[in-house]
C-alpha atoms as a PDB file:
ATOM      1  CA  MET A   1     249.313-119.667 269.364  1.00  0.00           C
ATOM      2  CA  SER A   2     247.785-123.010 268.416  1.00  0.00           C
ATOM      3  CA  LEU A   3     246.108-123.506 265.039  1.00  0.00           C
ATOM      4  CA  ASP A   4     242.668-123.971 266.624  1.00  0.00           C
ATOM      5  CA  LEU A   5     243.001-120.738 268.592  1.00  0.00           C
ATOM      6  CA  ARG A   6     244.058-118.896 265.425  1.00  0.00           C
ATOM      7  CA  ARG A   7     241.064-120.255 263.531  1.00  0.00           C
ATOM      8  CA  LEU A   8     238.701-119.313 266.360  1.00  0.00           C
ATOM      9  CA  THR A   9     240.212-115.823 266.543  1.00  0.00           C
ATOM     10  CA  ARG A  10     239.907-115.362 262.788  1.00  0.00           C
ATOM     11  CA  CYS A  11     236.264-116.471 262.893  1.00  0.00           C
ATOM     12  CA  ALA A  12     235.549-114.044 265.744  1.00  0.00           C
ATOM     13  CA  VAL A  13     237.209-111.137 263.931  1.00  0.00           C
ATOM     14  CA  LEU A  14     235.341-111.901 260.703  1.00  0.00           C
ATOM     15  CA  THR A  15     232.050-112.176 262.602  1.00  0.00           C
ATOM     16  CA  ALA A  16     232.686-108.762 264.176  1.00  0.00           C
ATOM     17  CA  LEU A  17     233.547-107.335 260.753  1.00  0.00           C
ATOM     18  CA  ALA A  18     230.349-108.750 259.246  1.00  0.00           C
ATOM     19  CA  LEU A  19     228.314-107.252 262.104  1.00  0.00           C
ATOM     20  CA  ALA A  20     229.994-103.866 261.640  1.00  0.00           C
ATOM     21  CA  LEU A  21     229.381-103.924 257.879  1.00  0.00           C
ATOM     22  CA  SER A  22     225.755-104.858 258.440  1.00  0.00           C
ATOM     23  CA  ALA A  23     225.295-102.043 260.965  1.00  0.00           C
ATOM     24  CA  ALA A  24     227.018 -99.513 258.683  1.00  0.00           C
ATOM     25  CA  GLU A  25     224.818-100.596 255.817  1.00  0.00           C
ATOM     26  CA  GLY A  26     221.740 -99.878 257.914  1.00  0.00           C
ATOM     27  CA  LEU A  27     222.786 -96.225 258.193  1.00  0.00           C
ATOM     28  CA  ALA A  28     222.203 -95.650 254.474  1.00  0.00           C
ATOM     29  CA  PRO A  29     219.300 -97.901 253.460  1.00  0.00           C
ATOM     30  CA  LEU A  30     218.752 -98.630 249.764  1.00  0.00           C
ATOM     31  CA  THR A  31     215.003 -98.376 250.330  1.00  0.00           C
ATOM     32  CA  VAL A  32     215.395 -94.615 249.921  1.00  0.00           C
ATOM     33  CA  LEU A  33     216.290 -95.211 246.252  1.00  0.00           C
ATOM     34  CA  PHE A  34     214.317 -98.408 245.682  1.00  0.00           C
ATOM     35  CA  PRO A  35     211.194 -98.697 247.882  1.00  0.00           C
ATOM     36  CA  LEU A  36     211.289-102.471 248.344  1.00  0.00           C
ATOM     37  CA  PRO A  37     210.969-103.957 251.830  1.00  0.00           C
ATOM     38  CA  GLY A  38     214.154-105.532 253.119  1.00  0.00           C
ATOM     39  CA  LEU A  39     216.398-104.384 250.270  1.00  0.00           C
ATOM     40  CA  ARG A  40     220.033-104.044 251.341  1.00  0.00           C
ATOM     41  CA  LEU A  41     223.356-103.934 249.544  1.00  0.00           C
ATOM     42  CA  GLY A  42     224.621-107.013 251.414  1.00  0.00           C
ATOM     43  CA  LEU A  43     228.013-105.804 252.575  1.00  0.00           C
ATOM     44  CA  ALA A  44     228.212-108.547 255.210  1.00  0.00           C
ATOM     45  CA  ASN A  45     228.198-110.966 252.278  1.00  0.00           C
ATOM     46  CA  LEU A  46     231.782-109.859 251.605  1.00  0.00           C
ATOM     47  CA  VAL A  47     232.813-111.729 254.737  1.00  0.00           C
ATOM     48  CA  THR A  48     230.834-114.807 253.703  1.00  0.00           C
ATOM     49  CA  VAL A  49     232.459-114.898 250.267  1.00  0.00           C
ATOM     50  CA  TYR A  50     235.901-114.415 251.803  1.00  0.00           C
ATOM     51  CA  ALA A  51     235.269-117.220 254.308  1.00  0.00           C
ATOM     52  CA  LEU A  52     234.095-119.557 251.534  1.00  0.00           C
ATOM     53  CA  CYS A  53     237.217-118.845 249.491  1.00  0.00           C
ATOM     54  CA  ARG A  54     239.874-118.698 252.205  1.00  0.00           C
ATOM     55  CA  MET A  55     238.482-120.899 254.988  1.00  0.00           C
ATOM     56  CA  ASP A  56     236.376-124.017 255.090  1.00  0.00           C
ATOM     57  CA  GLN A  57     232.602-124.168 254.635  1.00  0.00           C
ATOM     58  CA  ARG A  58     232.041-125.076 258.287  1.00  0.00           C
ATOM     59  CA  GLU A  59     233.774-121.896 259.422  1.00  0.00           C
ATOM     60  CA  ALA A  60     231.818-119.847 256.885  1.00  0.00           C
ATOM     61  CA  LEU A  61     228.602-121.326 258.283  1.00  0.00           C
ATOM     62  CA  LEU A  62     229.611-120.592 261.886  1.00  0.00           C
ATOM     63  CA  ILE A  63     230.449-116.979 260.998  1.00  0.00           C
ATOM     64  CA  LEU A  64     227.078-116.578 259.253  1.00  0.00           C
ATOM     65  CA  LEU A  65     225.139-118.109 262.157  1.00  0.00           C
ATOM     66  CA  ALA A  66     226.954-115.972 264.725  1.00  0.00           C
ATOM     67  CA  ARG A  67     226.424-112.809 262.661  1.00  0.00           C
ATOM     68  CA  CYS A  68     222.702-113.471 262.238  1.00  0.00           C
ATOM     69  CA  LEU A  69     222.132-114.341 265.892  1.00  0.00           C
ATOM     70  CA  LEU A  70     224.216-111.482 267.291  1.00  0.00           C
ATOM     71  CA  GLY A  71     222.714-109.017 264.813  1.00  0.00           C
ATOM     72  CA  ALA A  72     219.189-109.977 265.911  1.00  0.00           C
ATOM     73  CA  LEU A  73     220.120-109.786 269.605  1.00  0.00           C
ATOM     74  CA  ILE A  74     221.908-106.441 269.280  1.00  0.00           C
ATOM     75  CA  GLY A  75     219.156-105.018 267.093  1.00  0.00           C
ATOM     76  CA  GLY A  76     216.523-106.230 269.548  1.00  0.00           C
ATOM     77  CA  ASN A  77     214.491-107.834 266.789  1.00  0.00           C
ATOM     78  CA  LEU A  78     214.367-111.596 267.071  1.00  0.00           C
ATOM     79  CA  THR A  79     211.694-111.749 264.343  1.00  0.00           C
ATOM     80  CA  ALA A  80     214.341-110.460 261.935  1.00  0.00           C
ATOM     81  CA  LEU A  81     216.387-113.555 262.783  1.00  0.00           C
ATOM     82  CA  ALA A  82     214.043-115.724 260.683  1.00  0.00           C
ATOM     83  CA  PHE A  83     214.548-113.481 257.657  1.00  0.00           C
ATOM     84  CA  SER A  84     218.287-113.113 258.169  1.00  0.00           C
ATOM     85  CA  LEU A  85     218.861-116.828 258.669  1.00  0.00           C
ATOM     86  CA  SER A  86     216.656-117.972 255.798  1.00  0.00           C
ATOM     87  CA  GLY A  87     218.268-115.566 253.358  1.00  0.00           C
ATOM     88  CA  GLY A  88     221.774-116.093 254.686  1.00  0.00           C
ATOM     89  CA  LEU A  89     221.634-119.879 254.725  1.00  0.00           C
ATOM     90  CA  LEU A  90     220.167-120.115 251.223  1.00  0.00           C
ATOM     91  CA  ALA A  91     222.788-117.657 249.946  1.00  0.00           C
ATOM     92  CA  LEU A  92     225.621-119.510 251.683  1.00  0.00           C
ATOM     93  CA  GLY A  93     224.478-122.858 250.305  1.00  0.00           C
ATOM     94  CA  THR A  94     224.139-121.465 246.801  1.00  0.00           C
ATOM     95  CA  MET A  95     227.527-119.759 246.893  1.00  0.00           C
ATOM     96  CA  ALA A  96     229.226-122.805 248.452  1.00  0.00           C
ATOM     97  CA  LEU A  97     228.079-124.872 245.477  1.00  0.00           C
ATOM     98  CA  LEU A  98     228.901-122.252 242.842  1.00  0.00           C
ATOM     99  CA  VAL A  99     232.302-121.151 244.167  1.00  0.00           C
ATOM    100  CA  ARG A 100     233.614-124.576 243.137  1.00  0.00           C
ATOM    101  CA  VAL A 101     232.523-124.100 239.495  1.00  0.00           C
ATOM    102  CA  PRO A 102     235.681-123.091 237.621  1.00  0.00           C
ATOM    103  CA  ALA A 103     233.807-121.287 234.826  1.00  0.00           C
ATOM    104  CA  LEU A 104     232.062-118.961 237.297  1.00  0.00           C
ATOM    105  CA  SER A 105     233.825-115.944 238.802  1.00  0.00           C
ATOM    106  CA  LEU A 106     233.197-114.512 242.262  1.00  0.00           C
ATOM    107  CA  PHE A 107     231.186-111.867 240.464  1.00  0.00           C
ATOM    108  CA  GLY A 108     228.667-114.485 239.297  1.00  0.00           C
ATOM    109  CA  VAL A 109     228.800-116.332 242.605  1.00  0.00           C
ATOM    110  CA  SER A 110     227.945-113.130 244.468  1.00  0.00           C
ATOM    111  CA  VAL A 111     225.052-112.252 242.134  1.00  0.00           C
ATOM    112  CA  ALA A 112     223.643-115.759 242.632  1.00  0.00           C
ATOM    113  CA  GLY A 113     224.110-115.387 246.389  1.00  0.00           C
ATOM    114  CA  ALA A 114     222.225-112.078 246.385  1.00  0.00           C
ATOM    115  CA  ALA A 115     219.360-113.651 244.423  1.00  0.00           C
ATOM    116  CA  ALA A 116     219.293-116.640 246.783  1.00  0.00           C
ATOM    117  CA  HIS A 117     219.290-114.329 249.811  1.00  0.00           C
ATOM    118  CA  ASN A 118     216.311-112.377 248.488  1.00  0.00           C
ATOM    119  CA  THR A 119     214.512-115.618 247.656  1.00  0.00           C
ATOM    120  CA  GLY A 120     215.127-116.972 251.161  1.00  0.00           C
ATOM    121  CA  GLN A 121     213.774-113.818 252.745  1.00  0.00           C
ATOM    122  CA  VAL A 122     210.625-113.888 250.612  1.00  0.00           C
ATOM    123  CA  LEU A 123     210.122-117.550 251.541  1.00  0.00           C
ATOM    124  CA  ALA A 124     210.474-116.627 255.229  1.00  0.00           C
ATOM    125  CA  ALA A 125     208.010-113.740 254.843  1.00  0.00           C
ATOM    126  CA  ALA A 126     205.489-116.043 253.178  1.00  0.00           C
ATOM    127  CA  ALA A 127     205.905-118.582 255.989  1.00  0.00           C
ATOM    128  CA  VAL A 128     205.618-115.962 258.758  1.00  0.00           C
ATOM    129  CA  LEU A 129     202.600-114.272 257.183  1.00  0.00           C
ATOM    130  CA  GLY A 130     200.959-117.517 256.084  1.00  0.00           C
ATOM    131  CA  THR A 131     200.275-116.134 252.606  1.00  0.00           C
ATOM    132  CA  ALA A 132     201.878-116.077 249.181  1.00  0.00           C
ATOM    133  CA  ALA A 133     201.549-112.271 248.989  1.00  0.00           C
ATOM    134  CA  PRO A 134     205.302-111.623 249.597  1.00  0.00           C
ATOM    135  CA  PHE A 135     206.103-113.384 246.304  1.00  0.00           C
ATOM    136  CA  VAL A 136     204.897-110.209 244.555  1.00  0.00           C
ATOM    137  CA  TYR A 137     208.169-108.618 245.703  1.00  0.00           C
ATOM    138  CA  LEU A 138     210.385-111.407 244.382  1.00  0.00           C
ATOM    139  CA  PRO A 139     210.752-110.286 240.727  1.00  0.00           C
ATOM    140  CA  PRO A 140     211.825-106.708 241.590  1.00  0.00           C
ATOM    141  CA  LEU A 141     214.093-108.027 244.366  1.00  0.00           C
ATOM    142  CA  LEU A 142     215.736-110.424 241.930  1.00  0.00           C
ATOM    143  CA  LEU A 143     216.345-107.540 239.527  1.00  0.00           C
ATOM    144  CA  CYS A 144     217.908-105.551 242.358  1.00  0.00           C
ATOM    145  CA  SER A 145     220.070-108.547 243.254  1.00  0.00           C
ATOM    146  CA  LEU A 146     221.810-108.111 239.901  1.00  0.00           C
ATOM    147  CA  VAL A 147     223.008-104.701 241.081  1.00  0.00           C
ATOM    148  CA  THR A 148     223.674-105.542 244.728  1.00  0.00           C
ATOM    149  CA  GLY A 149     225.361-108.818 243.841  1.00  0.00           C
ATOM    150  CA  ALA A 150     227.499-107.063 241.239  1.00  0.00           C
ATOM    151  CA  VAL A 151     228.681-104.477 243.768  1.00  0.00           C
ATOM    152  CA  THR A 152     229.517-107.031 246.441  1.00  0.00           C
ATOM    153  CA  GLY A 153     230.944-109.375 243.797  1.00  0.00           C
ATOM    154  CA  GLY A 154     233.371-106.747 242.562  1.00  0.00           C
ATOM    155  CA  ALA A 155     234.412-105.928 246.118  1.00  0.00           C
ATOM    156  CA  SER A 156     234.726-109.652 246.913  1.00  0.00           C
ATOM    157  CA  ILE A 157     237.134-110.175 244.034  1.00  0.00           C
ATOM    158  CA  LEU A 158     239.367-107.407 245.364  1.00  0.00           C
ATOM    159  CA  LEU A 159     239.107-108.679 248.944  1.00  0.00           C
ATOM    160  CA  VAL A 160     239.859-112.323 248.201  1.00  0.00           C
ATOM    161  CA  HIS A 161     242.813-111.476 245.980  1.00  0.00           C
ATOM    162  CA  ARG A 162     244.353-108.914 248.336  1.00  0.00           C
ATOM    163  CA  VAL A 163     243.865-110.606 251.703  1.00  0.00           C
ATOM    164  CA  PRO A 164     245.801-113.869 251.661  1.00  0.00           C
ATOM    165  CA  GLU A 165     244.582-117.139 253.129  1.00  0.00           C
ATOM    166  CA  ALA A 166     247.240-117.241 255.825  1.00  0.00           C
ATOM    167  CA  ALA A 167     246.793-113.635 256.980  1.00  0.00           C
ATOM    168  CA  GLY A 168     247.903-113.318 260.554  1.00  0.00           C
ATOM    169  CA  GLN A 169     249.425-116.789 260.766  1.00  0.00           C
ATOM    170  CA  SER A 170     253.076-117.351 261.477  1.00  0.00           C
END
């Protein structure tokens, strides 16, 4: 198999994994414990962190874009695409910058990504609604991002260290 075909296949598999994690996460919403609109654990972020660490940033971006678009199409909610993309792109950009900082672990990178994701979604909500009212939710969402980012950060550390860069390549 050519290198390009391997890279495309790996991106497709990781996109499918991110979609599956996102769907599974929807089965047990965190809003039952913390009644904040849009609060999720962010399991699909595991794939983003892995892609940033083991692939290039372009591939990580393509996986994120495909996951957001396919998730909105499968879920039948194209309005959710604005929230998913704004949060995902801001988180990806933040993590792409921070993953290169040697003093910062994936734990910290993931917490920052969770905070950026929540911030992006609140920005999208404010833009869609045409009001600053959604910013009321930002402080509690940022507090929750400490927990959600810590959970996904811990899992990301295990994932990146146990799944090698050249997995599946011969």
